[in-house]
Amino acid sequence: MALGSAASYEGSVAFGNVLNITVENILITNNVSQGNSGGPLVDNEGKVVGMVTWQSDVEGDQFNGARILDVFCENILLCEYEFKGDKTWFNYEE
């Protein structure tokens, strides 16, 4: 789910699927607009996994993008550990 204020409608929710995940990005099929930028990308368990950051500007493309939390952790948050291998900021085992 991509949460935000799509087309200025506060509290909008856009459902979609994950197409691919890279080191920094999550490609999604959610219909997003400029109002979704900066909003959370939430998984089916209600956990925030990223932040919506861009939409495809190519007509016919049906994917958009979000940044994974690790990118923000490295730049904004004070992390309690060093990044090693596949360790992520969010922990699904809790």
Protein backbone atom coordinates (compact mmCIF):
# COMPACT_ATOMS: atom_id res chain seq x y z
CA MET A 1 0.00 0.00 0.00
CA ALA A 2 1.19 3.49 -0.80
CA LEU A 3 -0.22 6.06 1.60
CA GLY A 4 -0.38 9.78 1.00
CA SER A 5 -2.46 12.60 -0.42
CA ALA A 6 -2.93 11.61 -4.05
CA ALA A 7 -4.41 14.48 -6.07
CA SER A 8 -4.78 16.40 -2.78
CA TYR A 9 -7.14 13.78 -1.30
CA GLU A 10 -5.69 13.43 2.18
CA GLY A 11 -5.31 9.92 3.54
CA SER A 12 -5.51 8.12 0.20
CA VAL A 13 -4.36 4.51 -0.15
CA ALA A 14 -3.12 2.91 -3.38
CA PHE A 15 -2.77 -0.86 -3.54
CA GLY A 16 -0.30 -2.64 -5.80
CA ASN A 17 2.40 -5.26 -6.14
CA VAL A 18 6.16 -5.30 -5.85
CA LEU A 19 7.79 -5.85 -9.24
CA ASN A 20 11.42 -5.85 -8.17
CA ILE A 21 13.73 -4.78 -5.36
CA THR A 22 17.22 -3.35 -5.84
CA VAL A 23 19.78 -2.26 -3.28
CA GLU A 24 18.06 1.13 -2.93
CA ASN A 25 14.69 0.96 -4.70
CA ILE A 26 11.43 -0.96 -4.72
CA LEU A 27 9.59 -1.00 -8.05
CA ILE A 28 5.84 -1.05 -7.44
CA THR A 29 2.62 -1.17 -9.48
CA ASN A 30 0.71 1.16 -7.14
CA ASN A 31 -0.99 4.08 -8.87
CA VAL A 32 0.74 7.06 -7.29
CA SER A 33 0.73 10.78 -7.94
CA GLN A 34 2.77 13.72 -6.68
CA GLY A 35 0.72 13.70 -3.48
CA ASN A 36 2.05 10.26 -2.59
CA SER A 37 5.71 11.35 -2.66
CA GLY A 38 7.21 11.13 0.79
CA GLY A 39 4.45 8.84 2.01
CA PRO A 40 5.11 5.40 3.42
CA LEU A 41 5.07 2.16 1.46
CA VAL A 42 3.48 -0.44 3.73
CA ASP A 43 3.53 -4.25 3.39
CA ASN A 44 0.55 -6.55 3.95
CA GLU A 45 1.40 -6.81 7.66
CA GLY A 46 1.25 -3.04 8.17
CA LYS A 47 5.03 -2.53 8.41
CA VAL A 48 6.65 0.42 6.67
CA VAL A 49 9.20 -0.90 4.17
CA GLY A 50 9.96 2.23 2.17
CA MET A 51 8.99 5.72 1.11
CA VAL A 52 7.34 6.56 -2.21
CA THR A 53 9.79 8.74 -4.13
CA TRP A 54 9.01 8.75 -7.84
CA GLN A 55 6.53 7.88 -10.55
CA SER A 56 7.34 6.82 -14.09
CA ASP A 57 6.99 9.69 -16.55
CA VAL A 58 6.97 7.43 -19.62
CA GLU A 59 3.48 6.96 -21.03
CA GLY A 60 2.45 3.35 -20.89
CA ASP A 61 4.83 2.42 -18.07
CA GLN A 62 2.95 0.84 -15.22
CA PHE A 63 5.46 1.03 -12.41
CA ASN A 64 6.59 3.56 -9.84
CA GLY A 65 9.28 3.60 -7.21
CA ALA A 66 10.01 3.80 -3.53
CA ARG A 67 13.27 3.94 -1.56
CA ILE A 68 13.94 1.22 0.99
CA LEU A 69 14.39 2.27 4.61
CA ASP A 70 18.09 1.36 4.62
CA VAL A 71 18.82 4.32 2.34
CA PHE A 72 17.27 6.72 4.84
CA CYS A 73 18.88 4.97 7.79
CA GLU A 74 22.30 5.58 6.29
CA ASN A 75 21.59 9.27 5.75
CA ILE A 76 19.16 10.33 8.48
CA LEU A 77 18.76 7.90 11.36
CA LEU A 78 21.35 7.00 13.94
CA CYS A 79 21.84 3.29 13.40
CA GLU A 80 23.01 0.99 16.18
CA TYR A 81 25.02 -1.30 13.91
CA GLU A 82 27.06 -1.29 10.74
CA PHE A 83 25.44 -2.48 7.54
CA LYS A 84 26.73 -5.95 6.71
CA GLY A 85 25.61 -8.13 3.86
CA ASP A 86 21.86 -8.56 3.73
CA LYS A 87 21.10 -7.09 7.17
CA THR A 88 18.31 -4.53 6.94
CA TRP A 89 17.00 -1.75 9.15
CA PHE A 90 13.61 -3.40 9.53
CA ASN A 91 13.38 -6.80 11.20
CA TYR A 92 10.53 -9.11 10.19
CA GLU A 93 11.33 -11.64 12.93
CA GLU A 94 10.13 -9.42 15.78
